[in-house]
C-alpha atoms as a PDB file:
ATOM      1  CA  MET A   1    -188.531 122.090 153.275  1.00  0.00           C
ATOM      2  CA  LYS A   2    -185.597 119.827 151.832  1.00  0.00           C
ATOM      3  CA  SER A   3    -187.423 119.132 148.521  1.00  0.00           C
ATOM      4  CA  LEU A   4    -188.027 122.987 148.230  1.00  0.00           C
ATOM      5  CA  LYS A   5    -184.338 123.428 148.471  1.00  0.00           C
ATOM      6  CA  PHE A   6    -183.432 120.461 146.027  1.00  0.00           C
ATOM      7  CA  ILE A   7    -185.931 122.147 143.695  1.00  0.00           C
ATOM      8  CA  LEU A   8    -184.402 125.540 143.881  1.00  0.00           C
ATOM      9  CA  ALA A   9    -180.865 124.192 143.482  1.00  0.00           C
ATOM     10  CA  GLY A  10    -182.003 122.243 140.511  1.00  0.00           C
ATOM     11  CA  ALA A  11    -183.579 125.593 139.036  1.00  0.00           C
ATOM     12  CA  VAL A  12    -180.281 127.382 139.616  1.00  0.00           C
ATOM     13  CA  THR A  13    -178.329 124.890 138.155  1.00  0.00           C
ATOM     14  CA  LEU A  14    -180.255 124.827 135.061  1.00  0.00           C
ATOM     15  CA  LEU A  15    -180.265 128.276 134.602  1.00  0.00           C
ATOM     16  CA  VAL A  16    -176.506 128.455 134.895  1.00  0.00           C
ATOM     17  CA  ILE A  17    -176.180 125.842 132.237  1.00  0.00           C
ATOM     18  CA  LEU A  18    -178.616 127.654 129.973  1.00  0.00           C
ATOM     19  CA  ILE A  19    -176.359 131.015 130.377  1.00  0.00           C
ATOM     20  CA  VAL A  20    -173.159 128.686 129.658  1.00  0.00           C
ATOM     21  CA  VAL A  21    -174.333 127.639 126.630  1.00  0.00           C
ATOM     22  CA  SER A  22    -175.868 130.430 125.220  1.00  0.00           C
ATOM     23  CA  ASN A  23    -172.580 132.201 125.615  1.00  0.00           C
ATOM     24  CA  THR A  24    -170.471 129.425 124.074  1.00  0.00           C
ATOM     25  CA  VAL A  25    -172.657 128.630 121.031  1.00  0.00           C
ATOM     26  CA  GLU A  26    -171.918 130.907 118.015  1.00  0.00           C
ATOM     27  CA  PRO A  27    -174.915 132.514 116.828  1.00  0.00           C
ATOM     28  CA  GLY A  28    -175.504 131.666 113.115  1.00  0.00           C
ATOM     29  CA  ASN A  29    -176.105 134.187 110.017  1.00  0.00           C
ATOM     30  CA  PRO A  30    -179.927 134.562 109.599  1.00  0.00           C
ATOM     31  CA  SER A  31    -181.071 132.777 106.466  1.00  0.00           C
ATOM     32  CA  ALA A  32    -181.616 135.078 103.402  1.00  0.00           C
ATOM     33  CA  ALA A  33    -185.279 134.634 103.498  1.00  0.00           C
ATOM     34  CA  LYS A  34    -185.758 135.950 107.235  1.00  0.00           C
ATOM     35  CA  ARG A  35    -183.056 139.034 106.719  1.00  0.00           C
ATOM     36  CA  SER A  36    -184.802 142.320 106.207  1.00  0.00           C
ATOM     37  CA  SER A  37    -182.252 143.099 103.516  1.00  0.00           C
ATOM     38  CA  ALA A  38    -180.557 140.459 101.526  1.00  0.00           C
ATOM     39  CA  ALA A  39    -177.099 142.541 102.123  1.00  0.00           C
ATOM     40  CA  ASP A  40    -177.418 142.843 105.753  1.00  0.00           C
ATOM     41  CA  ASP A  41    -174.168 141.098 106.318  1.00  0.00           C
ATOM     42  CA  GLY A  42    -172.518 143.139 103.927  1.00  0.00           C
ATOM     43  CA  SER A  43    -172.435 140.495 100.950  1.00  0.00           C
ATOM     44  CA  LEU A  44    -174.709 139.751  98.172  1.00  0.00           C
ATOM     45  CA  LYS A  45    -175.001 136.461  96.104  1.00  0.00           C
ATOM     46  CA  ILE A  46    -176.294 137.149  92.666  1.00  0.00           C
ATOM     47  CA  GLY A  47    -177.754 134.522  90.107  1.00  0.00           C
ATOM     48  CA  VAL A  48    -176.776 134.840  86.643  1.00  0.00           C
ATOM     49  CA  LEU A  49    -177.345 133.066  83.535  1.00  0.00           C
ATOM     50  CA  ASP A  50    -173.744 131.741  82.767  1.00  0.00           C
ATOM     51  CA  SER A  51    -174.174 132.918  79.050  1.00  0.00           C
ATOM     52  CA  ALA A  52    -173.027 135.913  76.972  1.00  0.00           C
ATOM     53  CA  PRO A  53    -173.827 138.490  77.288  1.00  0.00           C
ATOM     54  CA  VAL A  54    -175.136 138.370  80.721  1.00  0.00           C
ATOM     55  CA  TYR A  55    -172.197 136.634  82.178  1.00  0.00           C
ATOM     56  CA  TYR A  56    -169.260 134.842  80.820  1.00  0.00           C
ATOM     57  CA  ASN A  57    -165.596 134.317  81.103  1.00  0.00           C
ATOM     58  CA  GLN A  58    -162.900 135.906  78.699  1.00  0.00           C
ATOM     59  CA  GLY A  59    -159.330 135.749  79.064  1.00  0.00           C
ATOM     60  CA  GLY A  60    -159.600 134.546  82.574  1.00  0.00           C
ATOM     61  CA  SER A  61    -161.722 137.499  83.717  1.00  0.00           C
ATOM     62  CA  ALA A  62    -165.579 137.848  84.171  1.00  0.00           C
ATOM     63  CA  LYS A  63    -167.397 139.843  81.804  1.00  0.00           C
ATOM     64  CA  GLY A  64    -171.232 140.684  80.734  1.00  0.00           C
ATOM     65  CA  PHE A  65    -173.510 143.505  80.554  1.00  0.00           C
ATOM     66  CA  ASP A  66    -175.773 142.262  83.522  1.00  0.00           C
ATOM     67  CA  TYR A  67    -172.558 141.359  85.475  1.00  0.00           C
ATOM     68  CA  GLU A  68    -171.200 144.649  85.191  1.00  0.00           C
ATOM     69  CA  MET A  69    -174.605 146.443  85.924  1.00  0.00           C
ATOM     70  CA  ALA A  70    -174.790 144.462  88.962  1.00  0.00           C
ATOM     71  CA  LEU A  71    -170.826 145.016  89.792  1.00  0.00           C
ATOM     72  CA  GLY A  72    -171.846 148.894  89.534  1.00  0.00           C
ATOM     73  CA  VAL A  73    -174.708 148.715  91.913  1.00  0.00           C
ATOM     74  CA  THR A  74    -172.494 146.927  94.551  1.00  0.00           C
ATOM     75  CA  LYS A  75    -169.807 149.142  94.355  1.00  0.00           C
ATOM     76  CA  SER A  76    -171.960 152.112  94.785  1.00  0.00           C
ATOM     77  CA  LEU A  77    -173.585 150.296  97.868  1.00  0.00           C
ATOM     78  CA  GLY A  78    -170.354 149.317  99.201  1.00  0.00           C
ATOM     79  CA  ILE A  79    -171.436 145.430  99.013  1.00  0.00           C
ATOM     80  CA  LYS A  80    -169.381 142.627  98.314  1.00  0.00           C
ATOM     81  CA  PRO A  81    -170.972 140.556  95.265  1.00  0.00           C
ATOM     82  CA  SER A  82    -170.609 136.950  94.445  1.00  0.00           C
ATOM     83  CA  PHE A  83    -171.848 135.565  91.347  1.00  0.00           C
ATOM     84  CA  VAL A  84    -173.659 132.258  90.978  1.00  0.00           C
ATOM     85  CA  PRO A  85    -173.976 130.933  87.561  1.00  0.00           C
ATOM     86  CA  MET A  86    -177.091 128.538  86.700  1.00  0.00           C
ATOM     87  CA  ASP A  87    -179.822 127.771  84.183  1.00  0.00           C
ATOM     88  CA  PHE A  88    -182.409 130.461  83.782  1.00  0.00           C
ATOM     89  CA  ALA A  89    -185.172 128.147  84.798  1.00  0.00           C
ATOM     90  CA  ASP A  90    -183.265 127.728  88.031  1.00  0.00           C
ATOM     91  CA  LEU A  91    -182.893 131.270  89.369  1.00  0.00           C
ATOM     92  CA  PHE A  92    -186.271 131.931  91.010  1.00  0.00           C
ATOM     93  CA  LYS A  93    -186.252 128.847  92.631  1.00  0.00           C
ATOM     94  CA  ALA A  94    -182.899 129.716  94.007  1.00  0.00           C
ATOM     95  CA  LEU A  95    -184.388 133.112  95.212  1.00  0.00           C
ATOM     96  CA  ASP A  96    -187.041 131.640  96.747  1.00  0.00           C
ATOM     97  CA  GLU A  97    -184.864 129.117  98.676  1.00  0.00           C
ATOM     98  CA  GLY A  98    -182.255 131.784 100.106  1.00  0.00           C
ATOM     99  CA  GLU A  99    -179.451 130.323  97.677  1.00  0.00           C
ATOM    100  CA  ILE A 100    -179.198 133.717  96.112  1.00  0.00           C
ATOM    101  CA  ASP A 101    -180.206 137.406  96.996  1.00  0.00           C
ATOM    102  CA  MET A 102    -180.795 138.752  93.641  1.00  0.00           C
ATOM    103  CA  ILE A 103    -181.147 137.886  90.011  1.00  0.00           C
ATOM    104  CA  ALA A 104    -179.407 139.710  87.202  1.00  0.00           C
ATOM    105  CA  SER A 105    -180.146 137.998  84.075  1.00  0.00           C
ATOM    106  CA  GLN A 106    -181.791 140.013  81.649  1.00  0.00           C
ATOM    107  CA  VAL A 107    -185.256 139.226  83.439  1.00  0.00           C
ATOM    108  CA  SER A 108    -187.996 140.862  81.935  1.00  0.00           C
ATOM    109  CA  VAL A 109    -190.622 142.678  84.345  1.00  0.00           C
ATOM    110  CA  THR A 110    -194.096 140.839  83.916  1.00  0.00           C
ATOM    111  CA  GLU A 111    -197.579 141.451  85.941  1.00  0.00           C
ATOM    112  CA  GLU A 112    -197.198 137.788  86.975  1.00  0.00           C
ATOM    113  CA  ARG A 113    -193.788 137.887  88.331  1.00  0.00           C
ATOM    114  CA  GLU A 114    -194.463 141.348  90.308  1.00  0.00           C
ATOM    115  CA  GLU A 115    -196.973 139.565  92.140  1.00  0.00           C
ATOM    116  CA  ALA A 116    -194.313 137.237  93.584  1.00  0.00           C
ATOM    117  CA  TYR A 117    -191.086 139.369  93.532  1.00  0.00           C
ATOM    118  CA  ASP A 118    -189.850 143.053  93.916  1.00  0.00           C
ATOM    119  CA  PHE A 119    -187.920 144.524  90.684  1.00  0.00           C
ATOM    120  CA  SER A 120    -185.662 147.492  90.423  1.00  0.00           C
ATOM    121  CA  HIS A 121    -185.915 150.202  88.195  1.00  0.00           C
ATOM    122  CA  PRO A 122    -185.171 149.198  84.649  1.00  0.00           C
ATOM    123  CA  TYR A 123    -181.375 149.088  83.383  1.00  0.00           C
ATOM    124  CA  PHE A 124    -182.268 147.604  79.825  1.00  0.00           C
ATOM    125  CA  VAL A 125    -185.340 146.692  77.473  1.00  0.00           C
ATOM    126  CA  THR A 126    -186.091 143.630  76.071  1.00  0.00           C
ATOM    127  CA  TYR A 127    -184.982 142.931  72.554  1.00  0.00           C
ATOM    128  CA  LEU A 128    -186.729 139.837  71.212  1.00  0.00           C
ATOM    129  CA  SER A 129    -185.687 137.405  68.222  1.00  0.00           C
ATOM    130  CA  PHE A 130    -186.915 134.357  66.473  1.00  0.00           C
ATOM    131  CA  THR A 131    -183.641 132.003  65.306  1.00  0.00           C
ATOM    132  CA  THR A 132    -184.483 129.635  62.416  1.00  0.00           C
ATOM    133  CA  PRO A 133    -182.671 127.141  60.274  1.00  0.00           C
ATOM    134  CA  LYS A 134    -181.364 128.973  57.249  1.00  0.00           C
ATOM    135  CA  SER A 135    -183.807 127.084  55.245  1.00  0.00           C
ATOM    136  CA  SER A 136    -186.712 128.100  56.990  1.00  0.00           C
ATOM    137  CA  PRO A 137    -189.792 129.755  55.275  1.00  0.00           C
ATOM    138  CA  ILE A 138    -190.333 131.729  58.406  1.00  0.00           C
ATOM    139  CA  LYS A 139    -189.487 135.223  57.281  1.00  0.00           C
ATOM    140  CA  LYS A 140    -191.926 137.743  58.938  1.00  0.00           C
ATOM    141  CA  LEU A 141    -193.962 138.159  62.335  1.00  0.00           C
ATOM    142  CA  LYS A 142    -196.959 136.821  60.332  1.00  0.00           C
ATOM    143  CA  ASP A 143    -195.474 133.659  59.721  1.00  0.00           C
ATOM    144  CA  ILE A 144    -195.159 132.680  63.573  1.00  0.00           C
ATOM    145  CA  ASN A 145    -198.923 131.866  64.277  1.00  0.00           C
ATOM    146  CA  GLY A 146    -199.465 128.207  63.308  1.00  0.00           C
ATOM    147  CA  SER A 147    -195.759 127.247  63.845  1.00  0.00           C
ATOM    148  CA  ARG A 148    -193.755 125.322  66.605  1.00  0.00           C
ATOM    149  CA  VAL A 149    -191.824 127.739  68.732  1.00  0.00           C
ATOM    150  CA  ALA A 150    -188.938 126.595  71.368  1.00  0.00           C
ATOM    151  CA  ILE A 151    -188.844 128.896  74.263  1.00  0.00           C
ATOM    152  CA  VAL A 152    -186.621 128.428  77.449  1.00  0.00           C
ATOM    153  CA  ASP A 153    -188.972 127.074  80.312  1.00  0.00           C
ATOM    154  CA  GLY A 154    -189.633 130.052  83.105  1.00  0.00           C
ATOM    155  CA  THR A 155    -189.139 132.896  80.485  1.00  0.00           C
ATOM    156  CA  ALA A 156    -191.242 135.859  79.696  1.00  0.00           C
ATOM    157  CA  GLN A 157    -191.402 134.620  76.048  1.00  0.00           C
ATOM    158  CA  GLU A 158    -194.039 132.399  77.028  1.00  0.00           C
ATOM    159  CA  SER A 159    -196.493 134.981  78.142  1.00  0.00           C
ATOM    160  CA  ILE A 160    -195.358 137.161  74.741  1.00  0.00           C
ATOM    161  CA  LEU A 161    -196.100 134.227  72.581  1.00  0.00           C
ATOM    162  CA  LYS A 162    -199.689 133.607  74.112  1.00  0.00           C
ATOM    163  CA  ASN A 163    -200.608 137.087  73.482  1.00  0.00           C
ATOM    164  CA  ARG A 164    -199.047 138.122  70.633  1.00  0.00           C
ATOM    165  CA  PHE A 165    -199.215 134.709  68.760  1.00  0.00           C
ATOM    166  CA  PRO A 166    -202.052 132.627  70.320  1.00  0.00           C
ATOM    167  CA  LYS A 167    -201.907 129.797  67.521  1.00  0.00           C
ATOM    168  CA  ALA A 168    -198.336 129.262  67.996  1.00  0.00           C
ATOM    169  CA  GLU A 169    -197.511 126.056  69.513  1.00  0.00           C
ATOM    170  CA  ILE A 170    -195.035 126.385  72.189  1.00  0.00           C
ATOM    171  CA  VAL A 171    -192.243 123.915  72.655  1.00  0.00           C
ATOM    172  CA  LYS A 172    -190.657 124.328  76.124  1.00  0.00           C
ATOM    173  CA  ARG A 173    -187.247 123.208  76.857  1.00  0.00           C
ATOM    174  CA  LYS A 174    -184.498 123.599  80.130  1.00  0.00           C
ATOM    175  CA  ASN A 175    -182.152 125.902  78.390  1.00  0.00           C
ATOM    176  CA  GLU A 176    -180.979 127.505  75.237  1.00  0.00           C
ATOM    177  CA  LYS A 177    -179.198 124.395  74.305  1.00  0.00           C
ATOM    178  CA  ALA A 178    -182.017 122.145  74.582  1.00  0.00           C
ATOM    179  CA  ALA A 179    -184.389 124.514  72.748  1.00  0.00           C
ATOM    180  CA  LEU A 180    -181.745 124.895  69.769  1.00  0.00           C
ATOM    181  CA  GLU A 181    -181.483 121.119  69.555  1.00  0.00           C
ATOM    182  CA  ALA A 182    -185.310 120.954  69.568  1.00  0.00           C
ATOM    183  CA  VAL A 183    -185.417 123.324  66.345  1.00  0.00           C
ATOM    184  CA  ALA A 184    -182.425 121.398  64.632  1.00  0.00           C
ATOM    185  CA  ALA A 185    -184.467 118.082  65.389  1.00  0.00           C
ATOM    186  CA  GLY A 186    -187.579 119.337  63.668  1.00  0.00           C
ATOM    187  CA  LYS A 187    -189.642 119.372  67.016  1.00  0.00           C
ATOM    188  CA  ALA A 188    -190.009 123.236  66.732  1.00  0.00           C
ATOM    189  CA  ASP A 189    -189.648 125.452  63.769  1.00  0.00           C
ATOM    190  CA  SER A 190    -187.911 128.493  65.567  1.00  0.00           C
ATOM    191  CA  PHE A 191    -186.291 129.378  68.927  1.00  0.00           C
ATOM    192  CA  PHE A 192    -188.044 132.655  70.454  1.00  0.00           C
ATOM    193  CA  TYR A 193    -185.354 134.440  72.903  1.00  0.00           C
ATOM    194  CA  ASP A 194    -183.938 137.578  74.021  1.00  0.00           C
ATOM    195  CA  ALA A 195    -181.934 138.954  70.934  1.00  0.00           C
ATOM    196  CA  PRO A 196    -178.744 139.530  72.844  1.00  0.00           C
ATOM    197  CA  PHE A 197    -177.980 136.098  73.046  1.00  0.00           C
ATOM    198  CA  THR A 198    -178.469 134.959  69.665  1.00  0.00           C
ATOM    199  CA  ASP A 199    -175.104 135.607  68.143  1.00  0.00           C
ATOM    200  CA  GLY A 200    -173.605 133.441  70.738  1.00  0.00           C
ATOM    201  CA  LEU A 201    -175.924 130.753  70.556  1.00  0.00           C
ATOM    202  CA  ILE A 202    -175.867 130.512  66.877  1.00  0.00           C
ATOM    203  CA  LYS A 203    -172.312 129.960  66.697  1.00  0.00           C
ATOM    204  CA  HIS A 204    -172.898 126.710  68.841  1.00  0.00           C
ATOM    205  CA  ALA A 205    -176.003 125.336  67.169  1.00  0.00           C
ATOM    206  CA  PRO A 206    -176.241 121.827  65.995  1.00  0.00           C
ATOM    207  CA  VAL A 207    -177.196 123.066  62.474  1.00  0.00           C
ATOM    208  CA  PRO A 208    -176.839 126.239  60.300  1.00  0.00           C
ATOM    209  CA  MET A 209    -179.087 129.024  61.694  1.00  0.00           C
ATOM    210  CA  GLU A 210    -179.774 132.499  61.468  1.00  0.00           C
ATOM    211  CA  GLU A 211    -181.513 135.265  63.714  1.00  0.00           C
ATOM    212  CA  ARG A 212    -184.336 135.874  61.204  1.00  0.00           C
ATOM    213  CA  ILE A 213    -186.607 138.139  63.063  1.00  0.00           C
ATOM    214  CA  VAL A 214    -185.534 140.969  65.744  1.00  0.00           C
ATOM    215  CA  PHE A 215    -187.751 143.536  67.404  1.00  0.00           C
ATOM    216  CA  PRO A 216    -187.762 145.779  70.474  1.00  0.00           C
ATOM    217  CA  SER A 217    -190.456 145.798  73.228  1.00  0.00           C
ATOM    218  CA  ASP A 218    -190.221 148.815  75.267  1.00  0.00           C
ATOM    219  CA  LYS A 219    -193.181 147.381  77.399  1.00  0.00           C
ATOM    220  CA  ALA A 220    -191.011 144.660  78.767  1.00  0.00           C
ATOM    221  CA  PRO A 221    -188.442 146.152  80.749  1.00  0.00           C
ATOM    222  CA  ILE A 222    -185.393 144.407  82.250  1.00  0.00           C
ATOM    223  CA  ALA A 223    -184.601 144.853  85.732  1.00  0.00           C
ATOM    224  CA  PHE A 224    -182.765 142.958  88.880  1.00  0.00           C
ATOM    225  CA  VAL A 225    -185.267 140.884  90.889  1.00  0.00           C
ATOM    226  CA  PHE A 226    -185.365 140.623  94.768  1.00  0.00           C
ATOM    227  CA  ARG A 227    -187.463 138.808  97.031  1.00  0.00           C
ATOM    228  CA  LYS A 228    -190.680 140.497  98.165  1.00  0.00           C
ATOM    229  CA  GLY A 229    -189.897 143.536 100.890  1.00  0.00           C
ATOM    230  CA  ASP A 230    -186.096 143.482 100.522  1.00  0.00           C
ATOM    231  CA  ARG A 231    -184.979 146.961 101.280  1.00  0.00           C
ATOM    232  CA  LEU A 232    -182.021 146.393  98.888  1.00  0.00           C
ATOM    233  CA  ARG A 233    -184.231 147.015  96.084  1.00  0.00           C
ATOM    234  CA  ASP A 234    -184.687 150.875  96.893  1.00  0.00           C
ATOM    235  CA  GLN A 235    -181.008 151.091  97.573  1.00  0.00           C
ATOM    236  CA  SER A 236    -180.157 149.542  94.011  1.00  0.00           C
ATOM    237  CA  ASN A 237    -182.833 151.958  92.557  1.00  0.00           C
ATOM    238  CA  ALA A 238    -180.701 154.865  93.711  1.00  0.00           C
ATOM    239  CA  ALA A 239    -177.392 153.352  92.470  1.00  0.00           C
ATOM    240  CA  ILE A 240    -179.210 152.546  88.914  1.00  0.00           C
ATOM    241  CA  ASP A 241    -180.397 155.990  88.580  1.00  0.00           C
ATOM    242  CA  GLU A 242    -176.973 157.313  89.502  1.00  0.00           C
ATOM    243  CA  MET A 243    -175.341 155.231  86.832  1.00  0.00           C
ATOM    244  CA  ILE A 244    -178.039 156.720  84.249  1.00  0.00           C
ATOM    245  CA  VAL A 245    -177.203 160.099  85.082  1.00  0.00           C
ATOM    246  CA  ASP A 246    -173.429 159.831  85.211  1.00  0.00           C
ATOM    247  CA  GLY A 247    -172.953 158.114  82.069  1.00  0.00           C
ATOM    248  CA  THR A 248    -172.014 154.841  83.521  1.00  0.00           C
ATOM    249  CA  TRP A 249    -174.993 153.165  81.802  1.00  0.00           C
ATOM    250  CA  LEU A 250    -174.303 154.421  78.475  1.00  0.00           C
ATOM    251  CA  ARG A 251    -170.792 153.259  78.698  1.00  0.00           C
ATOM    252  CA  ILE A 252    -171.701 149.481  79.543  1.00  0.00           C
ATOM    253  CA  LYS A 253    -174.660 149.695  77.071  1.00  0.00           C
ATOM    254  CA  THR A 254    -172.384 150.647  74.187  1.00  0.00           C
ATOM    255  CA  ASP A 255    -169.661 148.208  75.200  1.00  0.00           C
ATOM    256  CA  TYR A 256    -172.141 145.283  74.594  1.00  0.00           C
ATOM    257  CA  PHE A 257    -175.050 146.398  72.420  1.00  0.00           C
ATOM    258  CA  ARG A 258    -173.629 149.286  70.477  1.00  0.00           C
ATOM    259  CA  GLU A 259    -175.945 148.359  67.574  1.00  0.00           C
ATOM    260  CA  TYR A 260    -178.907 148.587  69.550  1.00  0.00           C
ATOM    261  CA  PRO A 261    -180.926 151.797  68.876  1.00  0.00           C
ATOM    262  CA  LEU A 262    -181.577 153.436  72.332  1.00  0.00           C
ATOM    263  CA  SER A 263    -184.874 152.873  73.779  1.00  0.00           C
ATOM    264  CA  GLU A 264    -187.306 155.810  74.509  1.00  0.00           C
ATOM    265  CA  LEU A 265    -187.611 154.685  78.055  1.00  0.00           C
ATOM    266  CA  PHE A 266    -183.947 155.801  78.481  1.00  0.00           C
ATOM    267  CA  ARG A 267    -184.112 158.806  76.227  1.00  0.00           C
ATOM    268  CA  GLU A 268    -186.995 160.060  78.784  1.00  0.00           C
ATOM    269  CA  GLN A 269    -184.252 159.796  81.522  1.00  0.00           C
ATOM    270  CA  GLY A 270    -182.050 162.027  79.302  1.00  0.00           C
ATOM    271  CA  VAL A 271    -179.675 159.714  77.920  1.00  0.00           C
ATOM    272  CA  GLU A 272    -178.212 160.495  74.337  1.00  0.00           C
END
């Protein structure tokens, strides 16, 4: 009987301790990967490429096409954004590991990426370019096959090259600077990248270069990237559609890409 009393007393004591501990330990925030939405806590970490025209600093203020589009979405949804600059090659890993909740960096939608991630409605289309030294013999698209083309590792340019220029040799580098250095050092003949970045990159190229070939690709829309199943994707879609209808999208596009012809993708949505 005494032993039973001791057992019951011990059980009661343990229960009291557990209750006290559970009430005194502050609950931690759920990891981004486990949250039903990246913005469940009212904030959003947005991964951006720290390069114009995506995201850059001018006169002490943040600017950028993707920055302003993401800012418009978060404002519409009442979410507090924080922008996390990094190399493009690191963006998807950061999203996978919950270091960021969304990518806003001129990311092209591809079938391969759609298998692993959710994409918003398009907010731009891909304009592509080949940048070469001014003395380069490459002048037209037909000159690309058989040449060495530098790309940033992890970008959609790799699949585009393989499909459209199967005889081109792909030279991968971690970022834009390293890719341009490969061209300057004679390890590649051109740098294949999104055209919106080219002007800014050429200014800092190690040798005189020029944007030799530019062409649009309506089949490669640009969209925000989320982890699979994040309901914020659907909320972002509604915000993007609203920005297109009320003229906000066209204003931002004009500010950064006035010279770029309007894509049929957006004409179909009533943008003129």
